[in-house]
N, C-alpha and C. Protein backbone atom coordinates (compact mmCIF):
# COMPACT_ATOMS: atom_id res chain seq x y z
N PRO A 1 60.26 -26.15 -105.38
CA PRO A 1 61.04 -26.49 -104.19
C PRO A 1 62.04 -25.40 -103.86
N ALA A 2 62.55 -25.40 -102.63
CA ALA A 2 63.48 -24.36 -102.20
C ALA A 2 64.74 -24.37 -103.05
N GLU A 3 65.22 -25.57 -103.44
CA GLU A 3 66.45 -25.64 -104.22
C GLU A 3 66.29 -24.94 -105.56
N TYR A 4 65.11 -25.10 -106.20
CA TYR A 4 64.84 -24.46 -107.49
C TYR A 4 64.86 -22.95 -107.32
N LEU A 5 64.20 -22.46 -106.29
CA LEU A 5 64.16 -21.02 -106.05
C LEU A 5 65.57 -20.49 -105.78
N LEU A 6 66.37 -21.25 -105.07
CA LEU A 6 67.72 -20.81 -104.77
C LEU A 6 68.53 -20.67 -106.05
N HIS A 7 68.47 -21.67 -106.91
CA HIS A 7 69.25 -21.62 -108.14
C HIS A 7 68.79 -20.50 -109.05
N HIS A 8 67.52 -20.15 -109.01
CA HIS A 8 66.98 -19.15 -109.92
C HIS A 8 66.96 -17.75 -109.35
N CYS A 9 67.45 -17.55 -108.16
CA CYS A 9 67.50 -16.19 -107.63
C CYS A 9 68.92 -15.65 -107.59
N VAL A 10 69.90 -16.52 -107.69
CA VAL A 10 71.29 -16.09 -107.62
C VAL A 10 71.62 -15.24 -108.84
N GLY A 11 72.15 -14.03 -108.61
CA GLY A 11 72.60 -13.18 -109.69
C GLY A 11 71.51 -12.37 -110.36
N HIS A 12 70.25 -12.47 -109.88
CA HIS A 12 69.15 -11.75 -110.52
C HIS A 12 68.39 -10.89 -109.53
N GLY A 13 68.98 -10.59 -108.40
CA GLY A 13 68.26 -9.87 -107.36
C GLY A 13 67.98 -8.42 -107.69
N ASP A 14 68.68 -7.84 -108.70
CA ASP A 14 68.47 -6.43 -109.01
C ASP A 14 67.26 -6.17 -109.88
N SER A 15 66.79 -7.18 -110.60
CA SER A 15 65.61 -7.00 -111.45
C SER A 15 64.36 -7.20 -110.63
N PRO A 16 63.22 -6.60 -111.04
CA PRO A 16 61.97 -6.78 -110.28
C PRO A 16 61.60 -8.24 -110.10
N SER A 17 61.72 -9.02 -111.20
CA SER A 17 61.35 -10.43 -111.09
C SER A 17 62.32 -11.16 -110.18
N GLY A 18 63.59 -10.76 -110.24
CA GLY A 18 64.58 -11.39 -109.39
C GLY A 18 64.32 -11.08 -107.93
N GLN A 19 63.89 -9.85 -107.63
CA GLN A 19 63.60 -9.47 -106.25
C GLN A 19 62.43 -10.27 -105.70
N VAL A 20 61.43 -10.49 -106.55
CA VAL A 20 60.28 -11.29 -106.13
C VAL A 20 60.71 -12.71 -105.83
N THR A 21 61.57 -13.25 -106.70
CA THR A 21 62.03 -14.62 -106.51
C THR A 21 62.85 -14.75 -105.24
N VAL A 22 63.71 -13.76 -104.99
CA VAL A 22 64.50 -13.78 -103.77
C VAL A 22 63.59 -13.74 -102.55
N ALA A 23 62.56 -12.88 -102.60
CA ALA A 23 61.62 -12.77 -101.49
C ALA A 23 60.88 -14.08 -101.27
N LEU A 24 60.48 -14.73 -102.37
CA LEU A 24 59.79 -16.01 -102.25
C LEU A 24 60.70 -17.06 -101.64
N TYR A 25 61.94 -17.05 -102.04
CA TYR A 25 62.89 -18.01 -101.47
C TYR A 25 63.08 -17.79 -99.97
N GLN A 26 63.20 -16.51 -99.59
CA GLN A 26 63.39 -16.20 -98.18
C GLN A 26 62.19 -16.63 -97.35
N LEU A 27 60.98 -16.39 -97.88
CA LEU A 27 59.77 -16.81 -97.17
C LEU A 27 59.73 -18.32 -97.04
N ARG A 28 60.09 -19.00 -98.12
CA ARG A 28 60.09 -20.46 -98.10
C ARG A 28 61.08 -20.98 -97.06
N ARG A 29 62.28 -20.38 -97.03
CA ARG A 29 63.29 -20.83 -96.09
C ARG A 29 62.85 -20.57 -94.65
N GLU A 30 62.22 -19.41 -94.40
CA GLU A 30 61.73 -19.11 -93.06
C GLU A 30 60.65 -20.09 -92.65
N HIS A 31 59.80 -20.45 -93.62
CA HIS A 31 58.72 -21.41 -93.33
C HIS A 31 59.31 -22.77 -92.96
N MET A 32 60.35 -23.18 -93.71
CA MET A 32 60.98 -24.48 -93.46
C MET A 32 61.66 -24.50 -92.10
N ALA A 33 62.19 -23.33 -91.68
CA ALA A 33 62.93 -23.29 -90.43
C ALA A 33 62.03 -23.12 -89.21
N ALA A 34 60.79 -22.63 -89.43
CA ALA A 34 59.90 -22.35 -88.31
C ALA A 34 59.47 -23.65 -87.63
N PRO A 35 59.45 -23.69 -86.30
CA PRO A 35 59.04 -24.90 -85.61
C PRO A 35 57.55 -25.17 -85.81
N SER A 36 57.18 -26.45 -85.91
CA SER A 36 55.77 -26.81 -86.02
C SER A 36 55.08 -26.57 -84.69
N ARG A 37 53.77 -26.59 -84.75
CA ARG A 37 53.01 -26.32 -83.53
C ARG A 37 52.92 -27.56 -82.64
N ASN A 38 52.91 -27.30 -81.34
CA ASN A 38 52.58 -28.32 -80.34
C ASN A 38 51.38 -27.85 -79.55
N ILE A 39 50.48 -28.77 -79.25
CA ILE A 39 49.29 -28.46 -78.47
C ILE A 39 49.30 -29.29 -77.20
N LEU A 40 48.99 -28.65 -76.08
CA LEU A 40 48.81 -29.38 -74.81
C LEU A 40 47.32 -29.42 -74.50
N ILE A 41 46.81 -30.62 -74.26
CA ILE A 41 45.42 -30.79 -73.83
C ILE A 41 45.46 -31.32 -72.40
N CYS A 42 44.96 -30.52 -71.47
CA CYS A 42 45.02 -30.91 -70.06
C CYS A 42 43.64 -30.74 -69.41
N GLY A 43 43.54 -31.22 -68.18
CA GLY A 43 42.27 -31.15 -67.48
C GLY A 43 42.19 -32.27 -66.45
N THR A 44 41.27 -32.13 -65.54
CA THR A 44 41.03 -33.15 -64.53
C THR A 44 40.75 -34.50 -65.19
N PRO A 45 41.21 -35.62 -64.62
CA PRO A 45 40.84 -36.93 -65.17
C PRO A 45 39.32 -37.04 -65.37
N GLY A 46 38.92 -37.57 -66.52
CA GLY A 46 37.51 -37.72 -66.82
C GLY A 46 36.91 -36.60 -67.64
N THR A 47 37.71 -35.61 -68.01
CA THR A 47 37.16 -34.48 -68.78
C THR A 47 37.19 -34.72 -70.30
N GLY A 48 37.72 -35.85 -70.73
CA GLY A 48 37.67 -36.17 -72.16
C GLY A 48 38.93 -35.85 -72.94
N LYS A 49 40.04 -35.78 -72.27
CA LYS A 49 41.30 -35.42 -72.93
C LYS A 49 41.70 -36.44 -74.00
N THR A 50 41.65 -37.72 -73.64
CA THR A 50 42.11 -38.76 -74.57
C THR A 50 41.26 -38.80 -75.83
N SER A 51 39.95 -38.72 -75.66
CA SER A 51 39.06 -38.75 -76.82
C SER A 51 39.33 -37.57 -77.76
N LEU A 52 39.46 -36.39 -77.18
CA LEU A 52 39.71 -35.20 -78.00
C LEU A 52 41.07 -35.27 -78.67
N ALA A 53 42.11 -35.63 -77.91
CA ALA A 53 43.46 -35.67 -78.47
C ALA A 53 43.58 -36.72 -79.58
N ALA A 54 43.00 -37.89 -79.35
CA ALA A 54 43.09 -38.96 -80.34
C ALA A 54 42.36 -38.59 -81.63
N GLU A 55 41.18 -37.99 -81.50
CA GLU A 55 40.43 -37.61 -82.70
C GLU A 55 41.11 -36.47 -83.44
N LEU A 56 41.66 -35.51 -82.70
CA LEU A 56 42.37 -34.41 -83.35
C LEU A 56 43.61 -34.94 -84.08
N ALA A 57 44.32 -35.87 -83.46
CA ALA A 57 45.49 -36.46 -84.12
C ALA A 57 45.08 -37.18 -85.41
N SER A 58 43.95 -37.89 -85.36
CA SER A 58 43.46 -38.59 -86.53
C SER A 58 43.13 -37.64 -87.67
N ARG A 59 42.54 -36.50 -87.34
CA ARG A 59 42.12 -35.54 -88.36
C ARG A 59 43.26 -34.66 -88.86
N SER A 60 44.25 -34.42 -88.01
CA SER A 60 45.30 -33.45 -88.35
C SER A 60 46.62 -34.08 -88.79
N GLY A 61 46.85 -35.33 -88.40
CA GLY A 61 48.12 -35.96 -88.70
C GLY A 61 49.20 -35.67 -87.67
N LEU A 62 48.88 -34.89 -86.63
CA LEU A 62 49.84 -34.65 -85.56
C LEU A 62 49.97 -35.91 -84.70
N GLN A 63 51.08 -36.03 -83.99
CA GLN A 63 51.32 -37.20 -83.14
C GLN A 63 50.73 -36.99 -81.75
N HIS A 64 49.94 -37.95 -81.31
CA HIS A 64 49.32 -37.89 -79.99
C HIS A 64 50.20 -38.60 -78.98
N ILE A 65 50.58 -37.89 -77.92
CA ILE A 65 51.38 -38.47 -76.84
C ILE A 65 50.59 -38.37 -75.54
N ASN A 66 50.18 -39.53 -75.03
CA ASN A 66 49.48 -39.59 -73.75
C ASN A 66 50.53 -39.81 -72.66
N ILE A 67 50.74 -38.80 -71.83
CA ILE A 67 51.81 -38.86 -70.83
C ILE A 67 51.60 -40.01 -69.84
N SER A 68 50.36 -40.23 -69.41
CA SER A 68 50.10 -41.33 -68.47
C SER A 68 50.49 -42.67 -69.07
N ASP A 69 50.17 -42.89 -70.35
CA ASP A 69 50.56 -44.14 -71.01
C ASP A 69 52.07 -44.22 -71.15
N LEU A 70 52.70 -43.11 -71.49
CA LEU A 70 54.15 -43.07 -71.65
C LEU A 70 54.85 -43.46 -70.34
N VAL A 71 54.33 -42.93 -69.23
CA VAL A 71 54.91 -43.22 -67.91
C VAL A 71 54.82 -44.71 -67.61
N LYS A 72 53.67 -45.31 -67.88
CA LYS A 72 53.49 -46.74 -67.59
C LYS A 72 54.32 -47.62 -68.53
N GLU A 73 54.32 -47.27 -69.81
CA GLU A 73 55.02 -48.10 -70.80
C GLU A 73 56.53 -48.07 -70.62
N ARG A 74 57.06 -46.92 -70.21
CA ARG A 74 58.52 -46.77 -70.13
C ARG A 74 59.04 -46.71 -68.70
N GLY A 75 58.16 -46.95 -67.74
CA GLY A 75 58.59 -46.98 -66.34
C GLY A 75 59.10 -45.65 -65.83
N LEU A 76 58.47 -44.57 -66.25
CA LEU A 76 58.94 -43.22 -65.89
C LEU A 76 58.26 -42.74 -64.61
N HIS A 77 58.37 -43.56 -63.55
CA HIS A 77 57.71 -43.22 -62.29
C HIS A 77 58.62 -43.58 -61.13
N THR A 78 58.33 -43.00 -59.99
CA THR A 78 59.15 -43.25 -58.80
C THR A 78 58.50 -44.24 -57.85
N GLU A 79 57.15 -44.29 -57.87
CA GLU A 79 56.43 -45.22 -56.99
C GLU A 79 54.98 -45.31 -57.44
N TYR A 80 54.24 -46.22 -56.80
CA TYR A 80 52.81 -46.36 -57.07
C TYR A 80 52.05 -45.99 -55.81
N ASP A 81 51.12 -45.05 -55.96
CA ASP A 81 50.31 -44.60 -54.83
C ASP A 81 49.09 -45.51 -54.72
N GLU A 82 49.08 -46.37 -53.71
CA GLU A 82 47.99 -47.35 -53.56
C GLU A 82 46.66 -46.67 -53.24
N GLU A 83 46.70 -45.61 -52.43
CA GLU A 83 45.46 -44.95 -52.03
C GLU A 83 44.74 -44.36 -53.23
N PHE A 84 45.50 -43.69 -54.11
CA PHE A 84 44.88 -43.03 -55.25
C PHE A 84 45.05 -43.80 -56.55
N GLN A 85 45.60 -45.01 -56.44
CA GLN A 85 45.69 -45.94 -57.58
C GLN A 85 46.35 -45.28 -58.79
N SER A 86 47.49 -44.68 -58.59
CA SER A 86 48.18 -44.03 -59.70
C SER A 86 49.68 -44.00 -59.46
N PHE A 87 50.44 -43.91 -60.56
CA PHE A 87 51.88 -43.80 -60.47
C PHE A 87 52.29 -42.37 -60.14
N VAL A 88 53.35 -42.22 -59.36
CA VAL A 88 53.95 -40.91 -59.12
C VAL A 88 55.03 -40.74 -60.18
N ILE A 89 54.82 -39.82 -61.11
CA ILE A 89 55.71 -39.74 -62.25
C ILE A 89 57.05 -39.10 -61.90
N ASP A 90 58.07 -39.51 -62.64
CA ASP A 90 59.39 -38.91 -62.53
C ASP A 90 59.46 -37.82 -63.61
N GLU A 91 59.20 -36.59 -63.21
CA GLU A 91 59.07 -35.49 -64.18
C GLU A 91 60.32 -35.28 -65.01
N ASP A 92 61.49 -35.37 -64.38
CA ASP A 92 62.73 -35.16 -65.12
C ASP A 92 62.91 -36.20 -66.22
N ARG A 93 62.61 -37.45 -65.90
CA ARG A 93 62.75 -38.51 -66.91
C ARG A 93 61.73 -38.36 -68.02
N VAL A 94 60.52 -37.92 -67.68
CA VAL A 94 59.50 -37.68 -68.71
C VAL A 94 59.98 -36.60 -69.68
N LEU A 95 60.51 -35.52 -69.14
CA LEU A 95 60.99 -34.43 -70.00
C LEU A 95 62.17 -34.89 -70.86
N ASP A 96 63.04 -35.70 -70.29
CA ASP A 96 64.16 -36.23 -71.08
C ASP A 96 63.64 -37.07 -72.25
N GLU A 97 62.64 -37.89 -72.01
CA GLU A 97 62.06 -38.71 -73.08
C GLU A 97 61.43 -37.85 -74.16
N LEU A 98 60.69 -36.83 -73.73
CA LEU A 98 60.02 -35.96 -74.70
C LEU A 98 61.01 -35.19 -75.57
N GLU A 99 62.14 -34.80 -74.99
CA GLU A 99 63.09 -33.97 -75.72
C GLU A 99 64.16 -34.77 -76.46
N ASP A 100 64.18 -36.08 -76.30
CA ASP A 100 65.18 -36.90 -76.96
C ASP A 100 65.06 -36.74 -78.48
N PRO A 101 66.08 -36.16 -79.14
CA PRO A 101 65.97 -35.91 -80.58
C PRO A 101 65.92 -37.17 -81.42
N SER A 102 66.33 -38.31 -80.84
CA SER A 102 66.29 -39.56 -81.58
C SER A 102 65.00 -40.34 -81.35
N ASP A 103 64.11 -39.74 -80.55
CA ASP A 103 62.88 -40.46 -80.21
C ASP A 103 61.67 -39.54 -80.41
N LEU A 104 61.04 -39.09 -79.33
CA LEU A 104 59.81 -38.29 -79.46
C LEU A 104 60.09 -36.88 -79.99
N ASN A 105 61.20 -36.29 -79.60
CA ASN A 105 61.67 -35.02 -80.15
C ASN A 105 60.57 -33.96 -80.21
N VAL A 106 60.02 -33.64 -79.05
CA VAL A 106 58.92 -32.67 -79.00
C VAL A 106 59.34 -31.30 -79.52
N ASN A 107 60.62 -30.98 -79.46
CA ASN A 107 61.07 -29.67 -79.93
C ASN A 107 60.93 -29.51 -81.44
N ALA A 108 60.78 -30.61 -82.15
CA ALA A 108 60.57 -30.53 -83.60
C ALA A 108 59.14 -30.16 -83.94
N GLY A 109 58.23 -30.20 -82.97
CA GLY A 109 56.84 -29.83 -83.19
C GLY A 109 55.99 -30.98 -83.72
N GLY A 110 54.75 -30.65 -84.04
CA GLY A 110 53.84 -31.63 -84.59
C GLY A 110 53.26 -32.59 -83.57
N LYS A 111 53.18 -32.17 -82.30
CA LYS A 111 52.73 -33.07 -81.24
C LYS A 111 51.47 -32.54 -80.55
N ILE A 112 50.61 -33.48 -80.16
CA ILE A 112 49.50 -33.20 -79.25
C ILE A 112 49.82 -33.95 -77.97
N ILE A 113 50.12 -33.24 -76.91
CA ILE A 113 50.47 -33.87 -75.65
C ILE A 113 49.28 -33.78 -74.70
N GLU A 114 48.98 -34.91 -74.09
CA GLU A 114 47.81 -35.00 -73.21
C GLU A 114 48.24 -35.41 -71.81
N TYR A 115 47.82 -34.62 -70.82
CA TYR A 115 48.10 -34.97 -69.43
C TYR A 115 47.17 -34.18 -68.54
N HIS A 116 46.90 -34.70 -67.32
CA HIS A 116 45.98 -33.96 -66.46
C HIS A 116 46.60 -32.70 -65.90
N GLY A 117 47.93 -32.69 -65.72
CA GLY A 117 48.60 -31.49 -65.23
C GLY A 117 49.34 -30.77 -66.33
N CYS A 118 49.91 -29.62 -65.99
CA CYS A 118 50.60 -28.85 -67.03
C CYS A 118 51.79 -28.06 -66.52
N GLU A 119 51.98 -27.98 -65.20
CA GLU A 119 52.94 -27.03 -64.66
C GLU A 119 54.39 -27.44 -64.84
N PHE A 120 54.68 -28.73 -65.07
CA PHE A 120 56.09 -29.13 -65.14
C PHE A 120 56.66 -29.09 -66.55
N PHE A 121 55.82 -28.86 -67.56
CA PHE A 121 56.33 -28.74 -68.92
C PHE A 121 56.95 -27.36 -69.14
N PRO A 122 58.05 -27.27 -69.89
CA PRO A 122 58.59 -25.95 -70.23
C PRO A 122 57.59 -25.15 -71.07
N GLU A 123 57.50 -23.87 -70.82
CA GLU A 123 56.57 -23.02 -71.56
C GLU A 123 56.82 -23.07 -73.06
N ARG A 124 58.09 -23.22 -73.45
CA ARG A 124 58.46 -23.20 -74.87
C ARG A 124 57.91 -24.40 -75.65
N PHE A 125 57.45 -25.43 -74.96
CA PHE A 125 56.94 -26.62 -75.65
C PHE A 125 55.70 -26.31 -76.50
N PHE A 126 54.84 -25.39 -76.04
CA PHE A 126 53.49 -25.31 -76.60
C PHE A 126 53.15 -23.93 -77.17
N GLN A 127 52.38 -23.99 -78.23
CA GLN A 127 51.83 -22.77 -78.82
C GLN A 127 50.33 -22.63 -78.51
N LEU A 128 49.73 -23.69 -77.98
CA LEU A 128 48.33 -23.66 -77.58
C LEU A 128 48.14 -24.61 -76.40
N VAL A 129 47.44 -24.14 -75.38
CA VAL A 129 47.15 -24.95 -74.19
C VAL A 129 45.64 -25.02 -74.00
N ILE A 130 45.09 -26.21 -74.08
CA ILE A 130 43.65 -26.43 -73.92
C ILE A 130 43.38 -27.00 -72.54
N VAL A 131 42.47 -26.36 -71.81
CA VAL A 131 42.04 -26.87 -70.50
C VAL A 131 40.57 -27.28 -70.64
N LEU A 132 40.29 -28.56 -70.53
CA LEU A 132 38.92 -29.06 -70.64
C LEU A 132 38.23 -28.98 -69.28
N ARG A 133 36.95 -28.59 -69.31
CA ARG A 133 36.16 -28.46 -68.08
C ARG A 133 34.89 -29.29 -68.20
N THR A 134 34.53 -29.95 -67.11
CA THR A 134 33.35 -30.82 -67.10
C THR A 134 32.50 -30.55 -65.86
N ASP A 135 31.19 -30.62 -66.04
CA ASP A 135 30.25 -30.47 -64.93
C ASP A 135 30.58 -31.49 -63.84
N ASN A 136 30.51 -31.06 -62.58
CA ASN A 136 30.96 -31.89 -61.47
C ASN A 136 30.20 -33.21 -61.33
N THR A 137 28.87 -33.15 -61.49
CA THR A 137 28.07 -34.37 -61.38
C THR A 137 28.41 -35.35 -62.49
N LEU A 138 28.55 -34.83 -63.70
CA LEU A 138 28.92 -35.67 -64.84
C LEU A 138 30.32 -36.26 -64.65
N LEU A 139 31.22 -35.45 -64.12
CA LEU A 139 32.58 -35.93 -63.88
C LEU A 139 32.58 -37.08 -62.87
N TRP A 140 31.81 -36.92 -61.79
CA TRP A 140 31.71 -38.00 -60.78
C TRP A 140 31.24 -39.29 -61.43
N ASP A 141 30.20 -39.21 -62.25
CA ASP A 141 29.66 -40.40 -62.92
C ASP A 141 30.70 -41.05 -63.83
N ARG A 142 31.44 -40.23 -64.58
CA ARG A 142 32.46 -40.77 -65.48
C ARG A 142 33.55 -41.52 -64.70
N LEU A 143 34.00 -40.92 -63.60
CA LEU A 143 35.08 -41.54 -62.82
C LEU A 143 34.59 -42.79 -62.10
N GLU A 144 33.33 -42.78 -61.68
CA GLU A 144 32.74 -43.95 -61.04
C GLU A 144 32.70 -45.12 -62.02
N LYS A 145 32.34 -44.82 -63.28
CA LYS A 145 32.29 -45.87 -64.30
C LYS A 145 33.68 -46.42 -64.61
N ARG A 146 34.71 -45.63 -64.36
CA ARG A 146 36.09 -46.11 -64.56
C ARG A 146 36.54 -47.02 -63.43
N GLY A 147 35.75 -47.09 -62.36
CA GLY A 147 36.13 -47.91 -61.23
C GLY A 147 37.05 -47.23 -60.24
N TYR A 148 37.10 -45.88 -60.29
CA TYR A 148 37.93 -45.15 -59.34
C TYR A 148 37.39 -45.34 -57.92
N SER A 149 38.29 -45.35 -56.95
CA SER A 149 37.87 -45.41 -55.55
C SER A 149 37.20 -44.09 -55.17
N VAL A 150 36.39 -44.13 -54.12
CA VAL A 150 35.70 -42.91 -53.68
C VAL A 150 36.69 -41.79 -53.33
N PRO A 151 37.78 -42.08 -52.58
CA PRO A 151 38.74 -40.99 -52.29
C PRO A 151 39.32 -40.37 -53.55
N LYS A 152 39.59 -41.22 -54.56
CA LYS A 152 40.16 -40.70 -55.81
C LYS A 152 39.15 -39.86 -56.57
N ILE A 153 37.87 -40.29 -56.57
CA ILE A 153 36.82 -39.50 -57.22
C ILE A 153 36.67 -38.16 -56.51
N GLN A 154 36.63 -38.20 -55.20
CA GLN A 154 36.47 -36.95 -54.43
C GLN A 154 37.61 -35.99 -54.70
N GLU A 155 38.83 -36.51 -54.73
CA GLU A 155 39.99 -35.66 -54.98
C GLU A 155 39.88 -34.97 -56.34
N ASN A 156 39.49 -35.72 -57.35
CA ASN A 156 39.41 -35.16 -58.70
C ASN A 156 38.25 -34.18 -58.87
N VAL A 157 37.11 -34.51 -58.29
CA VAL A 157 35.96 -33.60 -58.38
C VAL A 157 36.25 -32.31 -57.64
N GLU A 158 36.87 -32.41 -56.48
CA GLU A 158 37.25 -31.20 -55.75
C GLU A 158 38.25 -30.36 -56.54
N ALA A 159 39.17 -31.02 -57.23
CA ALA A 159 40.14 -30.30 -58.06
C ALA A 159 39.43 -29.56 -59.19
N GLU A 160 38.39 -30.19 -59.74
CA GLU A 160 37.64 -29.53 -60.81
C GLU A 160 36.86 -28.34 -60.26
N ILE A 161 36.25 -28.50 -59.09
CA ILE A 161 35.51 -27.39 -58.47
C ILE A 161 36.44 -26.21 -58.20
N MET A 162 37.63 -26.50 -57.73
CA MET A 162 38.59 -25.45 -57.38
C MET A 162 39.38 -24.94 -58.57
N GLN A 163 39.11 -25.46 -59.75
CA GLN A 163 39.78 -25.03 -60.99
C GLN A 163 41.31 -25.19 -60.90
N VAL A 164 41.74 -26.29 -60.27
CA VAL A 164 43.16 -26.48 -60.02
C VAL A 164 43.98 -26.48 -61.31
N ILE A 165 43.53 -27.23 -62.33
CA ILE A 165 44.30 -27.33 -63.57
C ILE A 165 44.27 -26.01 -64.32
N LEU A 166 43.13 -25.35 -64.33
CA LEU A 166 43.04 -24.05 -65.00
C LEU A 166 43.99 -23.04 -64.36
N GLU A 167 44.05 -23.04 -63.04
CA GLU A 167 44.95 -22.11 -62.35
C GLU A 167 46.41 -22.46 -62.63
N GLU A 168 46.72 -23.76 -62.70
CA GLU A 168 48.07 -24.18 -63.07
C GLU A 168 48.45 -23.64 -64.44
N ALA A 169 47.52 -23.75 -65.37
CA ALA A 169 47.79 -23.27 -66.73
C ALA A 169 48.02 -21.76 -66.73
N ARG A 170 47.20 -21.03 -66.00
CA ARG A 170 47.33 -19.58 -65.95
C ARG A 170 48.64 -19.14 -65.32
N GLU A 171 49.14 -19.95 -64.38
CA GLU A 171 50.42 -19.63 -63.74
C GLU A 171 51.62 -20.04 -64.58
N SER A 172 51.41 -20.95 -65.54
CA SER A 172 52.52 -21.53 -66.27
C SER A 172 52.68 -21.00 -67.69
N TYR A 173 51.61 -20.45 -68.28
CA TYR A 173 51.65 -20.07 -69.69
C TYR A 173 51.04 -18.68 -69.89
N LYS A 174 51.39 -18.07 -71.01
CA LYS A 174 50.84 -16.76 -71.34
C LYS A 174 49.33 -16.88 -71.57
N PRO A 175 48.57 -15.91 -71.10
CA PRO A 175 47.10 -16.02 -71.21
C PRO A 175 46.59 -16.14 -72.64
N GLU A 176 47.32 -15.56 -73.60
CA GLU A 176 46.82 -15.57 -74.98
C GLU A 176 46.88 -16.95 -75.63
N ILE A 177 47.62 -17.92 -75.04
CA ILE A 177 47.66 -19.25 -75.66
C ILE A 177 46.78 -20.25 -74.92
N ILE A 178 46.09 -19.82 -73.86
CA ILE A 178 45.24 -20.73 -73.07
C ILE A 178 43.79 -20.63 -73.55
N ARG A 179 43.16 -21.79 -73.74
CA ARG A 179 41.74 -21.85 -74.07
C ARG A 179 41.05 -22.79 -73.10
N GLU A 180 40.03 -22.30 -72.42
CA GLU A 180 39.21 -23.11 -71.52
C GLU A 180 37.97 -23.55 -72.30
N LEU A 181 37.78 -24.87 -72.44
CA LEU A 181 36.70 -25.38 -73.28
C LEU A 181 35.81 -26.35 -72.50
N PRO A 182 34.48 -26.27 -72.72
CA PRO A 182 33.57 -27.21 -72.06
C PRO A 182 33.69 -28.59 -72.69
N SER A 183 33.53 -29.63 -71.86
CA SER A 183 33.63 -31.00 -72.37
C SER A 183 32.61 -31.87 -71.65
N ASN A 184 31.33 -31.62 -71.98
CA ASN A 184 30.23 -32.34 -71.33
C ASN A 184 29.47 -33.26 -72.27
N THR A 185 29.42 -32.91 -73.55
CA THR A 185 28.56 -33.62 -74.50
C THR A 185 29.32 -33.92 -75.79
N PRO A 186 28.80 -34.83 -76.62
CA PRO A 186 29.40 -35.05 -77.94
C PRO A 186 29.44 -33.77 -78.78
N GLU A 187 28.44 -32.92 -78.60
CA GLU A 187 28.42 -31.64 -79.33
C GLU A 187 29.59 -30.76 -78.91
N ASP A 188 29.90 -30.77 -77.62
CA ASP A 188 31.06 -30.01 -77.14
C ASP A 188 32.33 -30.50 -77.81
N MET A 189 32.46 -31.81 -77.92
CA MET A 189 33.67 -32.37 -78.53
C MET A 189 33.79 -31.95 -79.99
N GLU A 190 32.69 -32.00 -80.73
CA GLU A 190 32.74 -31.59 -82.14
C GLU A 190 33.08 -30.11 -82.26
N ASN A 191 32.50 -29.30 -81.38
CA ASN A 191 32.81 -27.86 -81.41
C ASN A 191 34.29 -27.62 -81.09
N ASN A 192 34.80 -28.37 -80.12
CA ASN A 192 36.21 -28.22 -79.76
C ASN A 192 37.13 -28.66 -80.88
N LEU A 193 36.77 -29.73 -81.55
CA LEU A 193 37.56 -30.21 -82.69
C LEU A 193 37.57 -29.17 -83.81
N ALA A 194 36.41 -28.58 -84.06
CA ALA A 194 36.32 -27.56 -85.11
C ALA A 194 37.20 -26.36 -84.77
N LEU A 195 37.16 -25.95 -83.52
CA LEU A 195 37.98 -24.82 -83.08
C LEU A 195 39.47 -25.13 -83.24
N LEU A 196 39.87 -26.33 -82.85
CA LEU A 196 41.28 -26.71 -82.92
C LEU A 196 41.75 -26.86 -84.37
N GLN A 197 40.90 -27.40 -85.21
CA GLN A 197 41.26 -27.52 -86.62
C GLN A 197 41.39 -26.14 -87.27
N GLN A 198 40.52 -25.23 -86.88
CA GLN A 198 40.63 -23.87 -87.39
C GLN A 198 41.92 -23.22 -86.92
N TRP A 199 42.28 -23.45 -85.66
CA TRP A 199 43.53 -22.89 -85.13
C TRP A 199 44.73 -23.44 -85.90
N LEU A 200 44.74 -24.74 -86.14
CA LEU A 200 45.85 -25.35 -86.88
C LEU A 200 45.95 -24.80 -88.30
N ALA A 201 44.79 -24.49 -88.89
CA ALA A 201 44.79 -23.98 -90.27
C ALA A 201 45.30 -22.55 -90.37
N THR A 202 45.30 -21.84 -89.25
CA THR A 202 45.67 -20.42 -89.30
C THR A 202 46.94 -20.10 -88.52
N HIS A 203 47.63 -21.11 -88.00
CA HIS A 203 48.85 -20.87 -87.24
C HIS A 203 50.00 -21.74 -87.80
């Protein structure tokens, strides 16, 4: 433990073994102070964000936060859009909830945040941003099975065709932390999980 290393490095820094112990203690302290990773999984509705985020949380032990569920459960919205059957979120209140140190405390790390958009989150929140992409015909079928209205399906499919979420990510985050991943089949999901688990193991 860090306390053991601390007690055993005091007064012995001049000897080779003491220098090694001091270095080990410093590395340990830096590791303890380093923020944990946060991952953002975003994409057009119907691209499989919830399934991927929930399974990754199960395998990794990170906390899964579904922003849409959070908005509904805590009333973090300004109104309900009847045409598109969705809440208009209150972005400031959502960010306050996420950053509350006595509650979700996203700044402490260890979170998988899932939402269809990405532009209103502070860049500092995330070390990895995943944008899921789905074939347009498959996406239409998925949204139809959810009972979405035709205008809502059209809006989302058009957004996928125009790469709206991907462009939002590119405008909001550094290119080196963005990953665009296919999400059409169960095999895609397993491949994506393997990639994310590998990333977690090396970062």
